[in-house]
């Protein structure tokens, strides 16, 4: 979880973490997340499922994701552009709104926003 170097994998992990923070992810929420990955990352359904499954596996022993955000983002932080960051924040908010938003979800989103406050990289596409 702390060794991901691909910004898309990190974003996927954080989206799943926000959704999972609410509790078990419902089937409907999972389908929404997969669709979100397809739309925002421009990947096919199989790749979206792979990203979702990998993210779920990587965070199975995580206790407090909001405290882990800095360490999760660190290896790939330089690969995030301002466009990526804006997309990620939007995706995190969408994931949080799949169910009633919790304080834990807000804490994760706030940690991500704080981590990227000073990030001003060149524009790249995912």
N, C-alpha and C. Protein backbone atom coordinates (compact mmCIF):
# COMPACT_ATOMS: atom_id res chain seq x y z
N UNK A 1 0.82 -1.18 0.00
CA UNK A 1 0.00 0.00 0.00
C UNK A 1 0.87 1.25 0.00
N UNK A 2 2.01 1.20 0.68
CA UNK A 2 2.91 2.35 0.74
C UNK A 2 3.95 2.32 -0.36
N UNK A 3 3.86 1.35 -1.26
CA UNK A 3 4.87 1.22 -2.31
C UNK A 3 4.30 1.45 -3.70
N UNK A 4 3.07 1.90 -3.80
CA UNK A 4 2.47 2.14 -5.12
C UNK A 4 3.12 3.35 -5.77
N UNK A 5 3.59 3.18 -7.00
CA UNK A 5 4.25 4.28 -7.70
C UNK A 5 3.42 4.82 -8.86
N UNK A 6 2.35 4.15 -9.20
CA UNK A 6 1.47 4.60 -10.28
C UNK A 6 0.36 5.47 -9.68
N UNK A 7 0.25 6.70 -10.15
CA UNK A 7 -0.74 7.62 -9.58
C UNK A 7 -2.17 7.11 -9.75
N UNK A 8 -2.44 6.39 -10.82
CA UNK A 8 -3.79 5.86 -11.02
C UNK A 8 -4.10 4.78 -9.99
N UNK A 9 -3.13 3.93 -9.68
CA UNK A 9 -3.33 2.90 -8.65
C UNK A 9 -3.55 3.54 -7.28
N UNK A 10 -2.81 4.60 -7.01
CA UNK A 10 -2.97 5.30 -5.73
C UNK A 10 -4.36 5.92 -5.65
N UNK A 11 -4.78 6.55 -6.73
CA UNK A 11 -6.12 7.16 -6.76
C UNK A 11 -7.20 6.10 -6.55
N UNK A 12 -7.05 4.97 -7.21
CA UNK A 12 -8.03 3.88 -7.06
C UNK A 12 -8.08 3.40 -5.62
N UNK A 13 -6.92 3.22 -5.02
CA UNK A 13 -6.85 2.78 -3.62
C UNK A 13 -7.56 3.77 -2.70
N UNK A 14 -7.33 5.06 -2.92
CA UNK A 14 -7.95 6.07 -2.06
C UNK A 14 -9.46 6.14 -2.26
N UNK A 15 -9.93 5.97 -3.49
CA UNK A 15 -11.37 5.95 -3.75
C UNK A 15 -12.02 4.78 -3.03
N UNK A 16 -11.42 3.59 -3.16
CA UNK A 16 -11.96 2.41 -2.49
C UNK A 16 -11.88 2.60 -0.97
N UNK A 17 -10.81 3.20 -0.48
CA UNK A 17 -10.67 3.44 0.96
C UNK A 17 -11.78 4.33 1.48
N UNK A 18 -12.11 5.39 0.73
CA UNK A 18 -13.19 6.28 1.15
C UNK A 18 -14.52 5.52 1.18
N UNK A 19 -14.78 4.74 0.15
CA UNK A 19 -16.04 3.98 0.11
C UNK A 19 -16.09 2.96 1.24
N UNK A 20 -14.98 2.30 1.49
CA UNK A 20 -14.93 1.26 2.52
C UNK A 20 -14.99 1.84 3.93
N UNK A 21 -14.60 3.08 4.10
CA UNK A 21 -14.62 3.73 5.41
C UNK A 21 -16.04 3.76 5.98
N UNK A 22 -17.02 3.76 5.11
CA UNK A 22 -18.43 3.78 5.54
C UNK A 22 -18.84 2.43 6.11
N UNK A 23 -18.11 1.39 5.78
CA UNK A 23 -18.45 0.01 6.17
C UNK A 23 -18.29 -0.86 4.94
N UNK A 24 -18.93 -2.00 4.96
CA UNK A 24 -18.86 -2.89 3.80
C UNK A 24 -19.43 -2.18 2.57
N UNK A 25 -18.77 -2.36 1.45
CA UNK A 25 -19.21 -1.73 0.20
C UNK A 25 -20.33 -2.56 -0.40
N UNK A 26 -21.46 -1.91 -0.66
CA UNK A 26 -22.59 -2.62 -1.25
C UNK A 26 -22.30 -2.95 -2.71
N UNK A 27 -23.08 -3.86 -3.24
CA UNK A 27 -22.95 -4.23 -4.65
C UNK A 27 -23.17 -3.02 -5.54
N UNK A 28 -24.17 -2.22 -5.21
CA UNK A 28 -24.48 -1.03 -6.00
C UNK A 28 -23.32 -0.03 -5.96
N UNK A 29 -22.74 0.16 -4.79
CA UNK A 29 -21.60 1.08 -4.65
C UNK A 29 -20.40 0.58 -5.43
N UNK A 30 -20.16 -0.73 -5.38
CA UNK A 30 -19.05 -1.31 -6.12
C UNK A 30 -19.22 -1.05 -7.62
N UNK A 31 -20.43 -1.24 -8.13
CA UNK A 31 -20.68 -1.00 -9.55
C UNK A 31 -20.47 0.47 -9.90
N UNK A 32 -20.86 1.37 -9.01
CA UNK A 32 -20.64 2.80 -9.23
C UNK A 32 -19.14 3.12 -9.28
N UNK A 33 -18.38 2.50 -8.39
CA UNK A 33 -16.93 2.72 -8.35
C UNK A 33 -16.28 2.19 -9.63
N UNK A 34 -16.70 1.02 -10.08
CA UNK A 34 -16.15 0.45 -11.32
C UNK A 34 -16.45 1.37 -12.50
N UNK A 35 -17.67 1.88 -12.56
CA UNK A 35 -18.04 2.81 -13.62
C UNK A 35 -17.22 4.09 -13.53
N UNK A 36 -16.99 4.56 -12.31
CA UNK A 36 -16.18 5.76 -12.10
C UNK A 36 -14.76 5.53 -12.63
N UNK A 37 -14.17 4.38 -12.32
CA UNK A 37 -12.83 4.06 -12.82
C UNK A 37 -12.80 4.05 -14.34
N UNK A 38 -13.82 3.47 -14.95
CA UNK A 38 -13.88 3.41 -16.41
C UNK A 38 -13.94 4.83 -17.00
N UNK A 39 -14.80 5.67 -16.44
CA UNK A 39 -14.97 7.03 -16.96
C UNK A 39 -13.75 7.90 -16.70
N UNK A 40 -13.31 7.95 -15.45
CA UNK A 40 -12.24 8.89 -15.07
C UNK A 40 -10.85 8.45 -15.52
N UNK A 41 -10.60 7.15 -15.50
CA UNK A 41 -9.28 6.64 -15.88
C UNK A 41 -9.23 6.21 -17.34
N UNK A 42 -10.37 6.08 -17.99
CA UNK A 42 -10.41 5.65 -19.38
C UNK A 42 -9.97 4.21 -19.56
N UNK A 43 -10.37 3.34 -18.61
CA UNK A 43 -9.99 1.92 -18.68
C UNK A 43 -11.23 1.08 -18.98
N UNK A 44 -10.99 -0.14 -19.43
CA UNK A 44 -12.06 -1.11 -19.68
C UNK A 44 -12.51 -1.72 -18.35
N UNK A 45 -13.65 -2.39 -18.38
CA UNK A 45 -14.23 -2.98 -17.15
C UNK A 45 -13.26 -3.95 -16.48
N UNK A 46 -12.57 -4.79 -17.25
CA UNK A 46 -11.64 -5.75 -16.64
C UNK A 46 -10.54 -5.06 -15.84
N UNK A 47 -10.01 -3.98 -16.38
CA UNK A 47 -8.96 -3.22 -15.68
C UNK A 47 -9.55 -2.54 -14.44
N UNK A 48 -10.77 -2.03 -14.55
CA UNK A 48 -11.43 -1.40 -13.40
C UNK A 48 -11.63 -2.42 -12.28
N UNK A 49 -12.04 -3.63 -12.63
CA UNK A 49 -12.21 -4.70 -11.63
C UNK A 49 -10.88 -5.05 -10.99
N UNK A 50 -9.84 -5.12 -11.80
CA UNK A 50 -8.49 -5.43 -11.29
C UNK A 50 -8.04 -4.35 -10.29
N UNK A 51 -8.27 -3.09 -10.64
CA UNK A 51 -7.87 -1.99 -9.76
C UNK A 51 -8.67 -2.02 -8.45
N UNK A 52 -9.95 -2.29 -8.55
CA UNK A 52 -10.80 -2.37 -7.38
C UNK A 52 -10.34 -3.51 -6.47
N UNK A 53 -10.13 -4.68 -7.06
CA UNK A 53 -9.73 -5.86 -6.29
C UNK A 53 -8.37 -5.67 -5.63
N UNK A 54 -7.43 -5.11 -6.37
CA UNK A 54 -6.10 -4.84 -5.81
C UNK A 54 -6.17 -3.87 -4.64
N UNK A 55 -6.98 -2.83 -4.82
CA UNK A 55 -7.12 -1.83 -3.77
C UNK A 55 -7.72 -2.44 -2.51
N UNK A 56 -8.74 -3.24 -2.68
CA UNK A 56 -9.38 -3.91 -1.54
C UNK A 56 -8.38 -4.81 -0.82
N UNK A 57 -7.60 -5.56 -1.59
CA UNK A 57 -6.61 -6.46 -1.00
C UNK A 57 -5.54 -5.68 -0.23
N UNK A 58 -5.03 -4.61 -0.83
CA UNK A 58 -3.95 -3.84 -0.20
C UNK A 58 -4.36 -3.19 1.11
N UNK A 59 -5.62 -2.87 1.26
CA UNK A 59 -6.03 -2.18 2.47
C UNK A 59 -6.73 -3.07 3.49
N UNK A 60 -6.62 -4.38 3.32
CA UNK A 60 -7.32 -5.29 4.21
C UNK A 60 -6.87 -5.19 5.67
N UNK A 61 -5.64 -4.81 5.93
CA UNK A 61 -5.16 -4.71 7.31
C UNK A 61 -5.02 -3.27 7.79
N UNK A 62 -5.43 -2.32 6.97
CA UNK A 62 -5.30 -0.90 7.33
C UNK A 62 -6.34 -0.55 8.38
N UNK A 63 -5.90 0.19 9.40
CA UNK A 63 -6.79 0.57 10.48
C UNK A 63 -7.32 1.99 10.34
N UNK A 64 -6.44 2.93 10.02
CA UNK A 64 -6.86 4.32 9.92
C UNK A 64 -6.25 4.93 8.66
N UNK A 65 -6.99 4.87 7.59
CA UNK A 65 -6.48 5.32 6.29
C UNK A 65 -6.12 6.80 6.29
N UNK A 66 -6.87 7.62 7.00
CA UNK A 66 -6.57 9.06 6.98
C UNK A 66 -5.16 9.34 7.50
N UNK A 67 -4.67 8.50 8.41
CA UNK A 67 -3.30 8.65 8.91
C UNK A 67 -2.27 8.05 7.96
N UNK A 68 -2.72 7.22 7.04
CA UNK A 68 -1.82 6.56 6.08
C UNK A 68 -1.68 7.34 4.78
N UNK A 69 -2.57 8.31 4.54
CA UNK A 69 -2.62 9.01 3.25
C UNK A 69 -1.25 9.52 2.81
N UNK A 70 -0.55 10.18 3.70
CA UNK A 70 0.76 10.73 3.36
C UNK A 70 1.70 9.65 2.84
N UNK A 71 1.71 8.52 3.50
CA UNK A 71 2.61 7.42 3.12
C UNK A 71 2.14 6.72 1.84
N UNK A 72 0.83 6.70 1.63
CA UNK A 72 0.28 6.09 0.41
C UNK A 72 0.65 6.94 -0.81
N UNK A 73 0.53 8.25 -0.67
CA UNK A 73 0.75 9.16 -1.79
C UNK A 73 2.23 9.39 -2.08
N UNK A 74 3.07 9.36 -1.06
CA UNK A 74 4.48 9.76 -1.19
C UNK A 74 5.22 9.15 -2.39
N UNK A 75 5.17 7.83 -2.63
CA UNK A 75 5.96 7.27 -3.75
C UNK A 75 5.53 7.76 -5.14
N UNK A 76 4.30 8.25 -5.26
CA UNK A 76 3.81 8.65 -6.58
C UNK A 76 3.45 10.14 -6.65
N UNK A 77 3.69 10.87 -5.60
CA UNK A 77 3.23 12.26 -5.52
C UNK A 77 3.71 13.10 -6.70
N UNK A 78 4.93 12.92 -7.12
CA UNK A 78 5.47 13.73 -8.22
C UNK A 78 4.78 13.43 -9.55
N UNK A 79 4.07 12.31 -9.64
CA UNK A 79 3.37 11.95 -10.88
C UNK A 79 1.98 12.56 -10.97
N UNK A 80 1.51 13.15 -9.89
CA UNK A 80 0.18 13.77 -9.89
C UNK A 80 0.26 15.19 -10.43
N UNK A 81 -0.55 15.47 -11.43
CA UNK A 81 -0.65 16.83 -11.95
C UNK A 81 -1.82 17.53 -11.25
N UNK A 82 -1.97 18.82 -11.49
CA UNK A 82 -3.10 19.52 -10.89
C UNK A 82 -4.42 18.95 -11.41
N UNK A 83 -4.45 18.51 -12.66
CA UNK A 83 -5.64 17.88 -13.22
C UNK A 83 -5.94 16.55 -12.52
N UNK A 84 -4.91 15.75 -12.28
CA UNK A 84 -5.08 14.49 -11.57
C UNK A 84 -5.63 14.74 -10.17
N UNK A 85 -5.08 15.73 -9.50
CA UNK A 85 -5.49 16.03 -8.13
C UNK A 85 -6.96 16.45 -8.10
N UNK A 86 -7.35 17.31 -9.03
CA UNK A 86 -8.75 17.75 -9.09
C UNK A 86 -9.68 16.56 -9.36
N UNK A 87 -9.28 15.68 -10.29
CA UNK A 87 -10.08 14.48 -10.57
C UNK A 87 -10.18 13.59 -9.34
N UNK A 88 -9.05 13.41 -8.67
CA UNK A 88 -9.02 12.55 -7.49
C UNK A 88 -9.95 13.08 -6.40
N UNK A 89 -9.88 14.37 -6.10
CA UNK A 89 -10.74 14.95 -5.07
C UNK A 89 -12.21 14.78 -5.44
N UNK A 90 -12.53 14.97 -6.71
CA UNK A 90 -13.91 14.80 -7.17
C UNK A 90 -14.35 13.33 -7.00
N UNK A 91 -13.46 12.41 -7.37
CA UNK A 91 -13.77 10.99 -7.23
C UNK A 91 -13.96 10.60 -5.76
N UNK A 92 -13.13 11.14 -4.88
CA UNK A 92 -13.26 10.84 -3.45
C UNK A 92 -14.60 11.33 -2.91
N UNK A 93 -15.00 12.51 -3.33
CA UNK A 93 -16.29 13.05 -2.90
C UNK A 93 -17.45 12.23 -3.46
N UNK A 94 -17.31 11.79 -4.71
CA UNK A 94 -18.35 10.93 -5.30
C UNK A 94 -18.44 9.60 -4.54
N UNK A 95 -17.30 9.03 -4.21
CA UNK A 95 -17.29 7.76 -3.46
C UNK A 95 -17.91 7.94 -2.08
N UNK A 96 -17.62 9.05 -1.45
CA UNK A 96 -18.18 9.32 -0.12
C UNK A 96 -19.69 9.50 -0.18
N UNK A 97 -20.17 10.05 -1.28
CA UNK A 97 -21.60 10.33 -1.39
C UNK A 97 -22.42 9.13 -1.87
N UNK A 98 -21.78 7.99 -2.10
CA UNK A 98 -22.52 6.79 -2.49
C UNK A 98 -23.44 6.33 -1.36
N UNK A 99 -23.02 6.56 -0.14
CA UNK A 99 -23.81 6.30 1.05
C UNK A 99 -23.78 7.61 1.85
N UNK A 100 -24.35 7.61 3.02
CA UNK A 100 -24.28 8.82 3.85
C UNK A 100 -22.83 9.06 4.27
N UNK A 101 -22.33 10.26 4.03
CA UNK A 101 -20.92 10.56 4.30
C UNK A 101 -20.63 10.53 5.81
N UNK A 102 -19.47 9.98 6.16
CA UNK A 102 -19.09 9.85 7.57
C UNK A 102 -17.90 10.76 7.88
N UNK A 103 -17.64 10.94 9.17
CA UNK A 103 -16.49 11.73 9.60
C UNK A 103 -15.18 11.09 9.14
N UNK A 104 -15.13 9.77 9.12
CA UNK A 104 -13.94 9.06 8.65
C UNK A 104 -13.66 9.34 7.19
N UNK A 105 -14.71 9.39 6.38
CA UNK A 105 -14.54 9.71 4.96
C UNK A 105 -14.07 11.15 4.79
N UNK A 106 -14.66 12.06 5.56
CA UNK A 106 -14.23 13.46 5.50
C UNK A 106 -12.75 13.59 5.88
N UNK A 107 -12.33 12.82 6.87
CA UNK A 107 -10.94 12.87 7.33
C UNK A 107 -9.98 12.41 6.23
N UNK A 108 -10.34 11.37 5.51
CA UNK A 108 -9.49 10.88 4.41
C UNK A 108 -9.40 11.94 3.32
N UNK A 109 -10.52 12.50 2.93
CA UNK A 109 -10.54 13.52 1.88
C UNK A 109 -9.72 14.73 2.30
N UNK A 110 -9.88 15.15 3.54
CA UNK A 110 -9.12 16.30 4.05
C UNK A 110 -7.62 16.00 4.05
N UNK A 111 -7.24 14.79 4.42
CA UNK A 111 -5.82 14.39 4.40
C UNK A 111 -5.25 14.42 2.99
N UNK A 112 -6.03 13.97 2.02
CA UNK A 112 -5.58 13.99 0.62
C UNK A 112 -5.42 15.43 0.16
N UNK A 113 -6.40 16.27 0.45
CA UNK A 113 -6.32 17.68 0.05
C UNK A 113 -5.09 18.34 0.67
N UNK A 114 -4.85 18.07 1.93
CA UNK A 114 -3.70 18.65 2.63
C UNK A 114 -2.39 18.19 2.00
N UNK A 115 -2.32 16.92 1.65
CA UNK A 115 -1.09 16.36 1.08
C UNK A 115 -0.75 17.00 -0.27
N UNK A 116 -1.76 17.39 -1.02
CA UNK A 116 -1.54 17.95 -2.35
C UNK A 116 -1.58 19.46 -2.41
N UNK A 117 -1.69 20.14 -1.31
CA UNK A 117 -1.77 21.60 -1.33
C UNK A 117 -0.62 22.25 -2.08
N UNK A 118 0.55 21.70 -1.99
CA UNK A 118 1.72 22.33 -2.61
C UNK A 118 2.13 21.68 -3.93
N UNK A 119 1.34 20.74 -4.42
CA UNK A 119 1.70 20.02 -5.64
C UNK A 119 1.27 20.80 -6.88
N UNK A 120 2.21 21.22 -7.70
CA UNK A 120 1.92 22.01 -8.90
C UNK A 120 2.66 21.43 -10.10
N UNK A 121 2.32 20.21 -10.50
CA UNK A 121 3.04 19.55 -11.60
C UNK A 121 2.43 19.86 -12.96
N UNK A 122 3.15 19.49 -13.99
CA UNK A 122 2.71 19.65 -15.37
C UNK A 122 1.45 18.82 -15.62
N UNK A 123 0.69 19.23 -16.64
CA UNK A 123 -0.52 18.50 -17.01
C UNK A 123 -0.15 17.23 -17.79
N UNK A 124 -0.74 16.12 -17.37
CA UNK A 124 -0.61 14.84 -18.07
C UNK A 124 -1.96 14.17 -18.02
N UNK A 125 -2.23 13.30 -18.98
CA UNK A 125 -3.48 12.54 -18.97
C UNK A 125 -3.27 11.22 -18.27
N UNK A 126 -4.32 10.74 -17.65
CA UNK A 126 -4.28 9.38 -17.08
C UNK A 126 -4.60 8.42 -18.17
